[in-house]
Amino acid sequence: MEIRESRVVGVESGANVVVMMPSNLYGCSLGDEVFVGPFCEIQSEVSVGARTRIQSHSFICSLVEIGQDCFIGHGVMFVNDLFSEGAPADSKDKWRATKIGDNVSIGSNATILPVSICDNVIIGAGSVVTKDITTSGFYAGNPARLLREME
């Protein structure tokens, strides 16, 4: 049996970044004043913009880009493999990217599939985002739908 500890390795970070342990971060980039709560995993090829807060128990897989001034609630899960062949992808080139704009808040326990989300969006807790979001506003549900536009 091999036991490995959670750790932070190969992370590029700006000024005043806080990472609460235990967390597992590797090969990612964190902007100035980013906060990462405990029990998070942020994989390689992820970038997180300045002043973004990531709460505990969240999983951010490779190929995710998160903008500035975002809030990622507790237990948010990002997905890059859609199991399009009925099983986990046998190669990384089958993974898909996710892009989150600036000033996006994602409620606890939401699931974000490989999509693009524009600036100024709020995603309700427990929502599942399955399609690109191109209009600023409030979204919730499974699948997430526009409840009302941002005023």
C-alpha atoms as a PDB file:
ATOM      1  CA  MET A   1       0.000   0.000   0.000  1.00  0.00           C
ATOM      2  CA  GLU A   2       1.186   3.502  -0.832  1.00  0.00           C
ATOM      3  CA  ILE A   3      -0.144   6.432   1.166  1.00  0.00           C
ATOM      4  CA  ARG A   4       0.214   9.950  -0.219  1.00  0.00           C
ATOM      5  CA  GLU A   5      -0.453  13.157   1.647  1.00  0.00           C
ATOM      6  CA  SER A   6      -2.411  16.122   0.339  1.00  0.00           C
ATOM      7  CA  ARG A   7      -0.030  18.839  -0.772  1.00  0.00           C
ATOM      8  CA  VAL A   8       0.572  21.926  -2.845  1.00  0.00           C
ATOM      9  CA  VAL A   9       3.123  21.431  -5.610  1.00  0.00           C
ATOM     10  CA  GLY A  10       4.003  23.303  -8.810  1.00  0.00           C
ATOM     11  CA  VAL A  11       1.507  26.097  -8.147  1.00  0.00           C
ATOM     12  CA  GLU A  12       2.047  29.605  -9.525  1.00  0.00           C
ATOM     13  CA  SER A  13       0.490  32.126  -7.181  1.00  0.00           C
ATOM     14  CA  GLY A  14       0.099  35.857  -6.873  1.00  0.00           C
ATOM     15  CA  ALA A  15       0.345  37.959  -3.723  1.00  0.00           C
ATOM     16  CA  ASN A  16      -1.598  37.188  -0.544  1.00  0.00           C
ATOM     17  CA  VAL A  17      -2.947  33.784  -1.613  1.00  0.00           C
ATOM     18  CA  VAL A  18      -4.336  31.605   1.209  1.00  0.00           C
ATOM     19  CA  VAL A  19      -4.713  27.830   0.915  1.00  0.00           C
ATOM     20  CA  MET A  20      -6.243  25.985   3.868  1.00  0.00           C
ATOM     21  CA  MET A  21      -4.934  22.489   4.425  1.00  0.00           C
ATOM     22  CA  PRO A  22      -5.576  19.737   3.839  1.00  0.00           C
ATOM     23  CA  SER A  23      -5.973  20.541   0.156  1.00  0.00           C
ATOM     24  CA  ASN A  24      -4.415  19.092  -2.966  1.00  0.00           C
ATOM     25  CA  LEU A  25      -3.229  21.606  -5.590  1.00  0.00           C
ATOM     26  CA  TYR A  26      -0.822  20.878  -8.404  1.00  0.00           C
ATOM     27  CA  GLY A  27       0.240  22.565 -11.628  1.00  0.00           C
ATOM     28  CA  CYS A  28      -2.369  25.330 -11.375  1.00  0.00           C
ATOM     29  CA  SER A  29      -2.209  29.126 -11.324  1.00  0.00           C
ATOM     30  CA  LEU A  30      -3.796  31.299  -8.619  1.00  0.00           C
ATOM     31  CA  GLY A  31      -4.142  35.073  -8.972  1.00  0.00           C
ATOM     32  CA  ASP A  32      -3.626  37.678  -6.253  1.00  0.00           C
ATOM     33  CA  GLU A  33      -5.670  37.312  -3.060  1.00  0.00           C
ATOM     34  CA  VAL A  34      -7.240  33.963  -3.992  1.00  0.00           C
ATOM     35  CA  PHE A  35      -8.618  31.944  -1.073  1.00  0.00           C
ATOM     36  CA  VAL A  36      -8.885  28.149  -1.207  1.00  0.00           C
ATOM     37  CA  GLY A  37     -10.755  26.440   1.619  1.00  0.00           C
ATOM     38  CA  PRO A  38      -9.852  23.056   3.109  1.00  0.00           C
ATOM     39  CA  PHE A  39     -10.432  19.717   1.419  1.00  0.00           C
ATOM     40  CA  CYS A  40     -10.222  21.162  -2.109  1.00  0.00           C
ATOM     41  CA  GLU A  41      -8.513  19.703  -5.139  1.00  0.00           C
ATOM     42  CA  ILE A  42      -7.345  21.960  -7.942  1.00  0.00           C
ATOM     43  CA  GLN A  43      -5.669  20.064 -10.763  1.00  0.00           C
ATOM     44  CA  SER A  44      -3.098  21.021 -13.374  1.00  0.00           C
ATOM     45  CA  GLU A  45      -3.981  23.416 -16.189  1.00  0.00           C
ATOM     46  CA  VAL A  46      -6.435  25.353 -14.006  1.00  0.00           C
ATOM     47  CA  SER A  47      -6.242  29.122 -13.666  1.00  0.00           C
ATOM     48  CA  VAL A  48      -8.066  31.061 -10.959  1.00  0.00           C
ATOM     49  CA  GLY A  49      -8.412  34.843 -11.231  1.00  0.00           C
ATOM     50  CA  ALA A  50      -7.627  37.431  -8.589  1.00  0.00           C
ATOM     51  CA  ARG A  51      -9.822  37.731  -5.502  1.00  0.00           C
ATOM     52  CA  THR A  52     -11.727  34.525  -6.210  1.00  0.00           C
ATOM     53  CA  ARG A  53     -12.841  32.444  -3.207  1.00  0.00           C
ATOM     54  CA  ILE A  54     -13.127  28.673  -3.407  1.00  0.00           C
ATOM     55  CA  GLN A  55     -14.920  27.129  -0.447  1.00  0.00           C
ATOM     56  CA  SER A  56     -14.269  23.738   1.142  1.00  0.00           C
ATOM     57  CA  HIS A  57     -14.717  20.349  -0.514  1.00  0.00           C
ATOM     58  CA  SER A  58     -14.683  21.716  -4.083  1.00  0.00           C
ATOM     59  CA  PHE A  59     -13.092  19.873  -7.006  1.00  0.00           C
ATOM     60  CA  ILE A  60     -11.713  21.810  -9.966  1.00  0.00           C
ATOM     61  CA  CYS A  61     -10.457  19.502 -12.696  1.00  0.00           C
ATOM     62  CA  SER A  62      -7.919  20.232 -15.410  1.00  0.00           C
ATOM     63  CA  LEU A  63      -8.829  22.663 -18.211  1.00  0.00           C
ATOM     64  CA  VAL A  64     -10.926  25.011 -16.057  1.00  0.00           C
ATOM     65  CA  GLU A  65     -10.414  28.772 -16.208  1.00  0.00           C
ATOM     66  CA  ILE A  66     -12.110  30.849 -13.502  1.00  0.00           C
ATOM     67  CA  GLY A  67     -12.223  34.639 -13.804  1.00  0.00           C
ATOM     68  CA  GLN A  68     -11.673  37.345 -11.224  1.00  0.00           C
ATOM     69  CA  ASP A  69     -13.900  38.146  -8.240  1.00  0.00           C
ATOM     70  CA  CYS A  70     -15.725  34.813  -8.360  1.00  0.00           C
ATOM     71  CA  PHE A  71     -17.197  32.746  -5.541  1.00  0.00           C
ATOM     72  CA  ILE A  72     -17.181  28.947  -5.702  1.00  0.00           C
ATOM     73  CA  GLY A  73     -19.395  27.516  -2.953  1.00  0.00           C
ATOM     74  CA  HIS A  74     -18.846  24.424  -0.827  1.00  0.00           C
ATOM     75  CA  GLY A  75     -18.732  21.121  -2.666  1.00  0.00           C
ATOM     76  CA  VAL A  76     -18.823  22.516  -6.204  1.00  0.00           C
ATOM     77  CA  MET A  77     -17.732  19.914  -8.772  1.00  0.00           C
ATOM     78  CA  PHE A  78     -16.293  20.685 -12.193  1.00  0.00           C
ATOM     79  CA  VAL A  79     -16.301  17.999 -14.889  1.00  0.00           C
ATOM     80  CA  ASN A  80     -14.043  17.749 -17.947  1.00  0.00           C
ATOM     81  CA  ASP A  81     -14.859  14.200 -19.080  1.00  0.00           C
ATOM     82  CA  LEU A  82     -18.394  13.562 -20.313  1.00  0.00           C
ATOM     83  CA  PHE A  83     -17.936   9.769 -20.528  1.00  0.00           C
ATOM     84  CA  SER A  84     -18.988  10.135 -24.173  1.00  0.00           C
ATOM     85  CA  GLU A  85     -17.926   6.568 -24.944  1.00  0.00           C
ATOM     86  CA  GLY A  86     -19.717   5.098 -21.920  1.00  0.00           C
ATOM     87  CA  ALA A  87     -16.622   5.045 -19.715  1.00  0.00           C
ATOM     88  CA  PRO A  88     -13.891   7.415 -18.545  1.00  0.00           C
ATOM     89  CA  ALA A  89     -11.962   8.886 -21.489  1.00  0.00           C
ATOM     90  CA  ASP A  90      -8.941   6.787 -22.376  1.00  0.00           C
ATOM     91  CA  SER A  91      -6.967   9.904 -23.307  1.00  0.00           C
ATOM     92  CA  LYS A  92      -6.682  13.483 -22.072  1.00  0.00           C
ATOM     93  CA  ASP A  93      -7.328  14.827 -25.577  1.00  0.00           C
ATOM     94  CA  LYS A  94     -10.984  13.803 -25.148  1.00  0.00           C
ATOM     95  CA  TRP A  95     -11.430  16.119 -22.142  1.00  0.00           C
ATOM     96  CA  ARG A  96     -13.214  19.435 -22.658  1.00  0.00           C
ATOM     97  CA  ALA A  97     -12.496  22.863 -21.188  1.00  0.00           C
ATOM     98  CA  THR A  98     -14.625  25.116 -18.981  1.00  0.00           C
ATOM     99  CA  LYS A  99     -14.398  28.920 -18.905  1.00  0.00           C
ATOM    100  CA  ILE A 100     -15.978  30.923 -16.086  1.00  0.00           C
ATOM    101  CA  GLY A 101     -16.180  34.713 -16.543  1.00  0.00           C
ATOM    102  CA  ASP A 102     -15.610  37.441 -13.962  1.00  0.00           C
ATOM    103  CA  ASN A 103     -17.964  38.078 -11.026  1.00  0.00           C
ATOM    104  CA  VAL A 104     -19.586  34.640 -11.155  1.00  0.00           C
ATOM    105  CA  SER A 105     -20.997  33.044  -7.990  1.00  0.00           C
ATOM    106  CA  ILE A 106     -21.634  29.311  -7.950  1.00  0.00           C
ATOM    107  CA  GLY A 107     -23.739  27.942  -5.087  1.00  0.00           C
ATOM    108  CA  SER A 108     -22.848  24.943  -2.951  1.00  0.00           C
ATOM    109  CA  ASN A 109     -23.064  21.470  -4.464  1.00  0.00           C
ATOM    110  CA  ALA A 110     -23.458  22.731  -8.031  1.00  0.00           C
ATOM    111  CA  THR A 111     -22.013  20.653 -10.864  1.00  0.00           C
ATOM    112  CA  ILE A 112     -20.436  22.441 -13.815  1.00  0.00           C
ATOM    113  CA  LEU A 113     -20.014  20.453 -17.020  1.00  0.00           C
ATOM    114  CA  PRO A 114     -17.619  21.677 -19.756  1.00  0.00           C
ATOM    115  CA  VAL A 115     -19.281  25.002 -20.591  1.00  0.00           C
ATOM    116  CA  SER A 116     -18.605  28.692 -20.929  1.00  0.00           C
ATOM    117  CA  ILE A 117     -20.252  31.060 -18.438  1.00  0.00           C
ATOM    118  CA  CYS A 118     -20.273  34.811 -19.141  1.00  0.00           C
ATOM    119  CA  ASP A 119     -19.554  37.563 -16.590  1.00  0.00           C
ATOM    120  CA  ASN A 120     -22.021  38.524 -13.838  1.00  0.00           C
ATOM    121  CA  VAL A 121     -23.838  35.241 -13.292  1.00  0.00           C
ATOM    122  CA  ILE A 122     -25.213  33.609 -10.149  1.00  0.00           C
ATOM    123  CA  ILE A 123     -25.716  29.830 -10.176  1.00  0.00           C
ATOM    124  CA  GLY A 124     -28.040  28.477  -7.478  1.00  0.00           C
ATOM    125  CA  ALA A 125     -27.007  25.795  -5.010  1.00  0.00           C
ATOM    126  CA  GLY A 126     -27.364  22.257  -6.312  1.00  0.00           C
ATOM    127  CA  SER A 127     -27.718  23.363  -9.931  1.00  0.00           C
ATOM    128  CA  VAL A 128     -26.275  21.405 -12.843  1.00  0.00           C
ATOM    129  CA  VAL A 129     -24.922  23.597 -15.641  1.00  0.00           C
ATOM    130  CA  THR A 130     -25.066  21.609 -18.883  1.00  0.00           C
ATOM    131  CA  LYS A 131     -24.999  24.382 -21.513  1.00  0.00           C
ATOM    132  CA  ASP A 132     -23.131  27.624 -22.122  1.00  0.00           C
ATOM    133  CA  ILE A 133     -24.503  30.668 -20.300  1.00  0.00           C
ATOM    134  CA  THR A 134     -24.305  33.796 -22.461  1.00  0.00           C
ATOM    135  CA  THR A 135     -26.681  36.157 -20.613  1.00  0.00           C
ATOM    136  CA  SER A 136     -25.879  37.665 -17.213  1.00  0.00           C
ATOM    137  CA  GLY A 137     -28.436  36.659 -14.618  1.00  0.00           C
ATOM    138  CA  PHE A 138     -29.636  34.197 -12.009  1.00  0.00           C
ATOM    139  CA  TYR A 139     -29.702  30.486 -12.937  1.00  0.00           C
ATOM    140  CA  ALA A 140     -30.887  27.424 -11.023  1.00  0.00           C
ATOM    141  CA  GLY A 141     -32.122  23.890 -11.480  1.00  0.00           C
ATOM    142  CA  ASN A 142     -31.160  20.645 -13.163  1.00  0.00           C
ATOM    143  CA  PRO A 143     -30.453  21.527 -15.847  1.00  0.00           C
ATOM    144  CA  ALA A 144     -29.773  25.137 -14.831  1.00  0.00           C
ATOM    145  CA  ARG A 145     -32.140  27.630 -16.454  1.00  0.00           C
ATOM    146  CA  LEU A 146     -32.323  31.419 -16.478  1.00  0.00           C
ATOM    147  CA  LEU A 147     -34.626  32.623 -13.682  1.00  0.00           C
ATOM    148  CA  ARG A 148     -34.142  36.309 -14.350  1.00  0.00           C
ATOM    149  CA  GLU A 149     -31.615  38.598 -15.967  1.00  0.00           C
ATOM    150  CA  MET A 150     -29.234  40.710 -13.911  1.00  0.00           C
ATOM    151  CA  GLU A 151     -30.528  44.243 -13.437  1.00  0.00           C
END
